[in-house]
Amino acid sequence: MLRLALFFLVVSIIAGVFGFGGIAAASAGIARLLFFIAIVVFLALLVAGLMAGSTLF
């Protein structure tokens, strides 16, 4: 998911350089949304992993 966010960020930068403002704004919005979704999923899995504990010993 972070790869998609990075991809849309690069697309928005390239579109902004070439003067496509609408496409740049839309892809930057998608990149921001995907980044925050990835952060939420990471935090949820981190909490779930900490709640499960370690069963090595």
C-alpha atoms as a PDB file:
ATOM      1  CA  MET A   1       0.000   0.000   0.000  1.00  0.00           C
ATOM      2  CA  LEU A   2       2.889   2.324   0.670  1.00  0.00           C
ATOM      3  CA  ARG A   3       4.181   1.545  -2.825  1.00  0.00           C
ATOM      4  CA  LEU A   4       0.911   2.810  -4.279  1.00  0.00           C
ATOM      5  CA  ALA A   5       1.117   5.943  -2.154  1.00  0.00           C
ATOM      6  CA  LEU A   6       4.658   6.546  -3.370  1.00  0.00           C
ATOM      7  CA  PHE A   7       3.592   5.907  -6.976  1.00  0.00           C
ATOM      8  CA  PHE A   8       0.764   8.447  -6.771  1.00  0.00           C
ATOM      9  CA  LEU A   9       3.091  10.940  -5.088  1.00  0.00           C
ATOM     10  CA  VAL A  10       5.562  10.637  -7.972  1.00  0.00           C
ATOM     11  CA  VAL A  11       2.722  10.964 -10.501  1.00  0.00           C
ATOM     12  CA  SER A  12       1.489  14.117  -8.779  1.00  0.00           C
ATOM     13  CA  ILE A  13       4.976  15.657  -8.767  1.00  0.00           C
ATOM     14  CA  ILE A  14       5.487  14.899 -12.451  1.00  0.00           C
ATOM     15  CA  ALA A  15       2.024  16.199 -13.333  1.00  0.00           C
ATOM     16  CA  GLY A  16       2.677  19.350 -11.326  1.00  0.00           C
ATOM     17  CA  VAL A  17       5.955  19.968 -13.143  1.00  0.00           C
ATOM     18  CA  PHE A  18       4.237  19.667 -16.519  1.00  0.00           C
ATOM     19  CA  GLY A  19       1.380  21.950 -15.463  1.00  0.00           C
ATOM     20  CA  PHE A  20      -1.482  19.479 -15.036  1.00  0.00           C
ATOM     21  CA  GLY A  21      -2.882  20.934 -11.822  1.00  0.00           C
ATOM     22  CA  GLY A  22      -6.048  18.849 -11.601  1.00  0.00           C
ATOM     23  CA  ILE A  23      -4.273  15.552 -12.091  1.00  0.00           C
ATOM     24  CA  ALA A  24      -1.558  16.570  -9.638  1.00  0.00           C
ATOM     25  CA  ALA A  25      -4.085  17.474  -6.952  1.00  0.00           C
ATOM     26  CA  ALA A  26      -6.093  14.295  -7.456  1.00  0.00           C
ATOM     27  CA  SER A  27      -3.086  11.980  -7.327  1.00  0.00           C
ATOM     28  CA  ALA A  28      -1.694  13.808  -4.287  1.00  0.00           C
ATOM     29  CA  GLY A  29      -5.033  13.295  -2.545  1.00  0.00           C
ATOM     30  CA  ILE A  30      -4.987   9.592  -3.380  1.00  0.00           C
ATOM     31  CA  ALA A  31      -1.390   9.307  -2.142  1.00  0.00           C
ATOM     32  CA  ARG A  32      -2.318  11.002   1.132  1.00  0.00           C
ATOM     33  CA  LEU A  33      -5.335   8.729   1.623  1.00  0.00           C
ATOM     34  CA  LEU A  34      -3.337   5.554   0.927  1.00  0.00           C
ATOM     35  CA  PHE A  35      -0.582   6.690   3.284  1.00  0.00           C
ATOM     36  CA  PHE A  36      -2.994   7.231   6.173  1.00  0.00           C
ATOM     37  CA  ILE A  37      -4.730   3.898   5.516  1.00  0.00           C
ATOM     38  CA  ALA A  38      -1.327   2.173   5.606  1.00  0.00           C
ATOM     39  CA  ILE A  39      -0.497   3.876   8.913  1.00  0.00           C
ATOM     40  CA  VAL A  40      -3.821   2.786  10.448  1.00  0.00           C
ATOM     41  CA  VAL A  41      -3.335  -0.810   9.285  1.00  0.00           C
ATOM     42  CA  PHE A  42       0.226  -0.798  10.661  1.00  0.00           C
ATOM     43  CA  LEU A  43      -0.899   0.481  14.050  1.00  0.00           C
ATOM     44  CA  ALA A  44      -3.751  -2.047  14.230  1.00  0.00           C
ATOM     45  CA  LEU A  45      -1.387  -4.929  13.462  1.00  0.00           C
ATOM     46  CA  LEU A  46       1.179  -3.591  15.916  1.00  0.00           C
ATOM     47  CA  VAL A  47      -1.385  -3.491  18.728  1.00  0.00           C
ATOM     48  CA  ALA A  48      -2.662  -6.957  17.808  1.00  0.00           C
ATOM     49  CA  GLY A  49       0.888  -8.303  17.877  1.00  0.00           C
ATOM     50  CA  LEU A  50       1.596  -6.747  21.240  1.00  0.00           C
ATOM     51  CA  MET A  51      -1.657  -8.098  22.672  1.00  0.00           C
ATOM     52  CA  ALA A  52      -0.858 -11.623  21.466  1.00  0.00           C
ATOM     53  CA  GLY A  53       2.477 -11.606  23.229  1.00  0.00           C
ATOM     54  CA  SER A  54       5.474 -13.767  22.625  1.00  0.00           C
ATOM     55  CA  THR A  55       5.171 -17.550  22.893  1.00  0.00           C
ATOM     56  CA  LEU A  56       8.838 -18.406  22.348  1.00  0.00           C
ATOM     57  CA  PHE A  57       9.541 -19.368  25.983  1.00  0.00           C
END
